[in-house]
Protein backbone atom coordinates (compact mmCIF):
# COMPACT_ATOMS: atom_id res chain seq x y z
CA UNK A 1 11.31 0.72 6.65
CA UNK A 2 10.72 1.27 2.92
CA UNK A 3 6.96 1.27 3.41
CA UNK A 4 7.34 3.84 6.18
CA UNK A 5 9.45 6.09 3.94
CA UNK A 6 7.00 5.80 1.08
CA UNK A 7 4.11 6.58 3.43
CA UNK A 8 5.73 9.92 4.24
CA UNK A 9 6.16 10.54 0.48
CA UNK A 10 9.88 9.78 0.13
CA UNK A 11 11.12 10.41 -3.39
CA UNK A 12 11.21 7.19 -5.43
CA UNK A 13 13.70 8.62 -7.93
CA UNK A 14 16.40 9.57 -5.42
CA UNK A 15 19.81 8.51 -6.70
CA UNK A 16 22.74 7.08 -4.81
CA UNK A 17 26.41 7.92 -5.42
CA UNK A 18 26.38 5.78 -8.60
CA UNK A 19 23.17 7.50 -9.71
CA UNK A 20 21.04 4.39 -9.26
CA UNK A 21 17.47 4.68 -8.03
CA UNK A 22 15.95 2.54 -5.29
CA UNK A 23 14.24 0.49 -8.01
CA UNK A 24 17.62 -0.25 -9.63
CA UNK A 25 19.04 -1.45 -6.31
CA UNK A 26 15.98 -3.51 -5.32
CA UNK A 27 15.89 -5.12 -8.78
CA UNK A 28 19.60 -5.97 -8.63
CA UNK A 29 19.44 -7.40 -5.11
CA UNK A 30 16.23 -9.37 -5.64
CA UNK A 31 14.04 -7.52 -3.14
CA UNK A 32 10.72 -8.31 -4.80
CA UNK A 33 8.55 -6.81 -2.08
CA UNK A 34 10.39 -3.50 -2.35
CA UNK A 35 10.16 -3.57 -6.16
CA UNK A 36 6.38 -4.03 -5.89
CA UNK A 37 6.10 -1.15 -3.41
CA UNK A 38 8.19 1.17 -5.58
CA UNK A 39 6.24 0.28 -8.72
CA UNK A 40 2.96 0.91 -6.89
CA UNK A 41 4.27 4.36 -5.96
CA UNK A 42 5.06 5.17 -9.58
CA UNK A 43 8.82 4.56 -9.69
CA UNK A 44 10.32 4.91 -13.17
CA UNK A 45 10.73 1.32 -14.32
CA UNK A 46 12.75 2.40 -17.37
CA UNK A 47 15.23 4.66 -15.56
CA UNK A 48 18.84 4.18 -16.68
CA UNK A 49 21.89 4.31 -14.51
CA UNK A 50 24.60 6.26 -16.33
CA UNK A 51 27.61 3.97 -15.93
CA UNK A 52 26.36 0.99 -17.96
CA UNK A 53 22.97 2.38 -19.10
CA UNK A 54 21.14 -0.45 -17.34
CA UNK A 55 17.45 -0.34 -16.53
CA UNK A 56 15.92 -2.19 -13.57
CA UNK A 57 14.80 -4.91 -16.04
CA UNK A 58 18.35 -5.41 -17.32
CA UNK A 59 19.62 -5.61 -13.73
CA UNK A 60 16.99 -8.12 -12.62
CA UNK A 61 17.53 -10.25 -15.74
CA UNK A 62 21.30 -10.31 -15.22
CA UNK A 63 20.89 -11.43 -11.61
CA UNK A 64 18.27 -14.09 -12.34
CA UNK A 65 15.32 -12.54 -10.51
CA UNK A 66 12.47 -13.95 -12.61
CA UNK A 67 9.69 -12.66 -10.35
CA UNK A 68 11.04 -9.13 -10.55
CA UNK A 69 11.45 -9.42 -14.33
CA UNK A 70 7.78 -10.44 -14.53
CA UNK A 71 6.67 -7.56 -12.29
CA UNK A 72 8.62 -5.03 -14.36
CA UNK A 73 7.28 -6.41 -17.65
CA UNK A 74 3.72 -6.45 -16.28
CA UNK A 75 4.11 -2.79 -15.35
CA UNK A 76 5.30 -1.95 -18.87
CA UNK A 77 9.09 -1.94 -18.68
CA UNK A 78 10.81 -1.68 -22.05
CA UNK A 79 11.99 -5.19 -22.89
CA UNK A 80 14.04 -3.92 -25.84
CA UNK A 81 16.23 -1.61 -23.75
CA UNK A 82 19.94 -2.28 -24.12
CA UNK A 83 22.91 -1.57 -21.91
CA UNK A 84 26.11 0.23 -22.88
CA UNK A 85 27.39 -3.00 -24.51
CA UNK A 86 24.21 -3.16 -26.61
CA UNK A 87 22.94 -6.24 -24.73
CA UNK A 88 19.21 -6.73 -24.19
CA UNK A 89 17.57 -8.38 -21.18
CA UNK A 90 17.32 -11.60 -23.22
CA UNK A 91 21.07 -11.46 -23.91
CA UNK A 92 22.13 -10.84 -20.32
CA UNK A 93 19.80 -13.55 -18.98
CA UNK A 94 21.03 -16.06 -21.57
CA UNK A 95 24.69 -15.18 -20.94
CA UNK A 96 24.18 -15.81 -17.22
CA UNK A 97 22.23 -19.04 -17.77
CA UNK A 98 19.00 -17.81 -16.16
CA UNK A 99 16.45 -20.08 -17.87
CA UNK A 100 13.62 -18.99 -15.56
CA UNK A 101 14.19 -15.35 -16.53
CA UNK A 102 14.25 -16.29 -20.22
CA UNK A 103 10.88 -18.00 -19.78
CA UNK A 104 9.42 -14.75 -18.40
CA UNK A 105 10.94 -12.73 -21.22
CA UNK A 106 9.73 -15.12 -23.90
CA UNK A 107 6.13 -14.94 -22.69
CA UNK A 108 5.93 -11.68 -24.67
CA UNK A 109 6.85 -12.65 -28.25
CA UNK A 110 8.21 -9.19 -29.08
CA UNK A 111 10.97 -9.64 -26.49
CA UNK A 112 12.67 -11.97 -28.91
CA UNK A 113 13.19 -9.20 -31.43
CA UNK A 114 16.94 -8.84 -31.18
CA UNK A 115 17.22 -6.22 -33.91
CA UNK A 116 18.81 -2.91 -32.76
């Protein structure tokens, strides 16, 4: 269904009632195939949802979706982005005990820079 919508040029930055994009939702829910499709279509991987200021990377890290974290980082997602509580993707992954996500984040040494 997503592929069909993208084939007819559906807008990748459409927002739902909470002002989240499809990439936010797919990253949160762990739908890796949809994340890859949206990234290939140029979806904004650093878009922020207004309630908590989370990016797709922050959402994927919080939920433990290591493969999605890797895909977002490979595409160029900002690993230093912070949510409304000033937590980085490293912080939210560590707080939730997602060691596999931390491994992906630590592959890029600059992700460990916890300075504001």
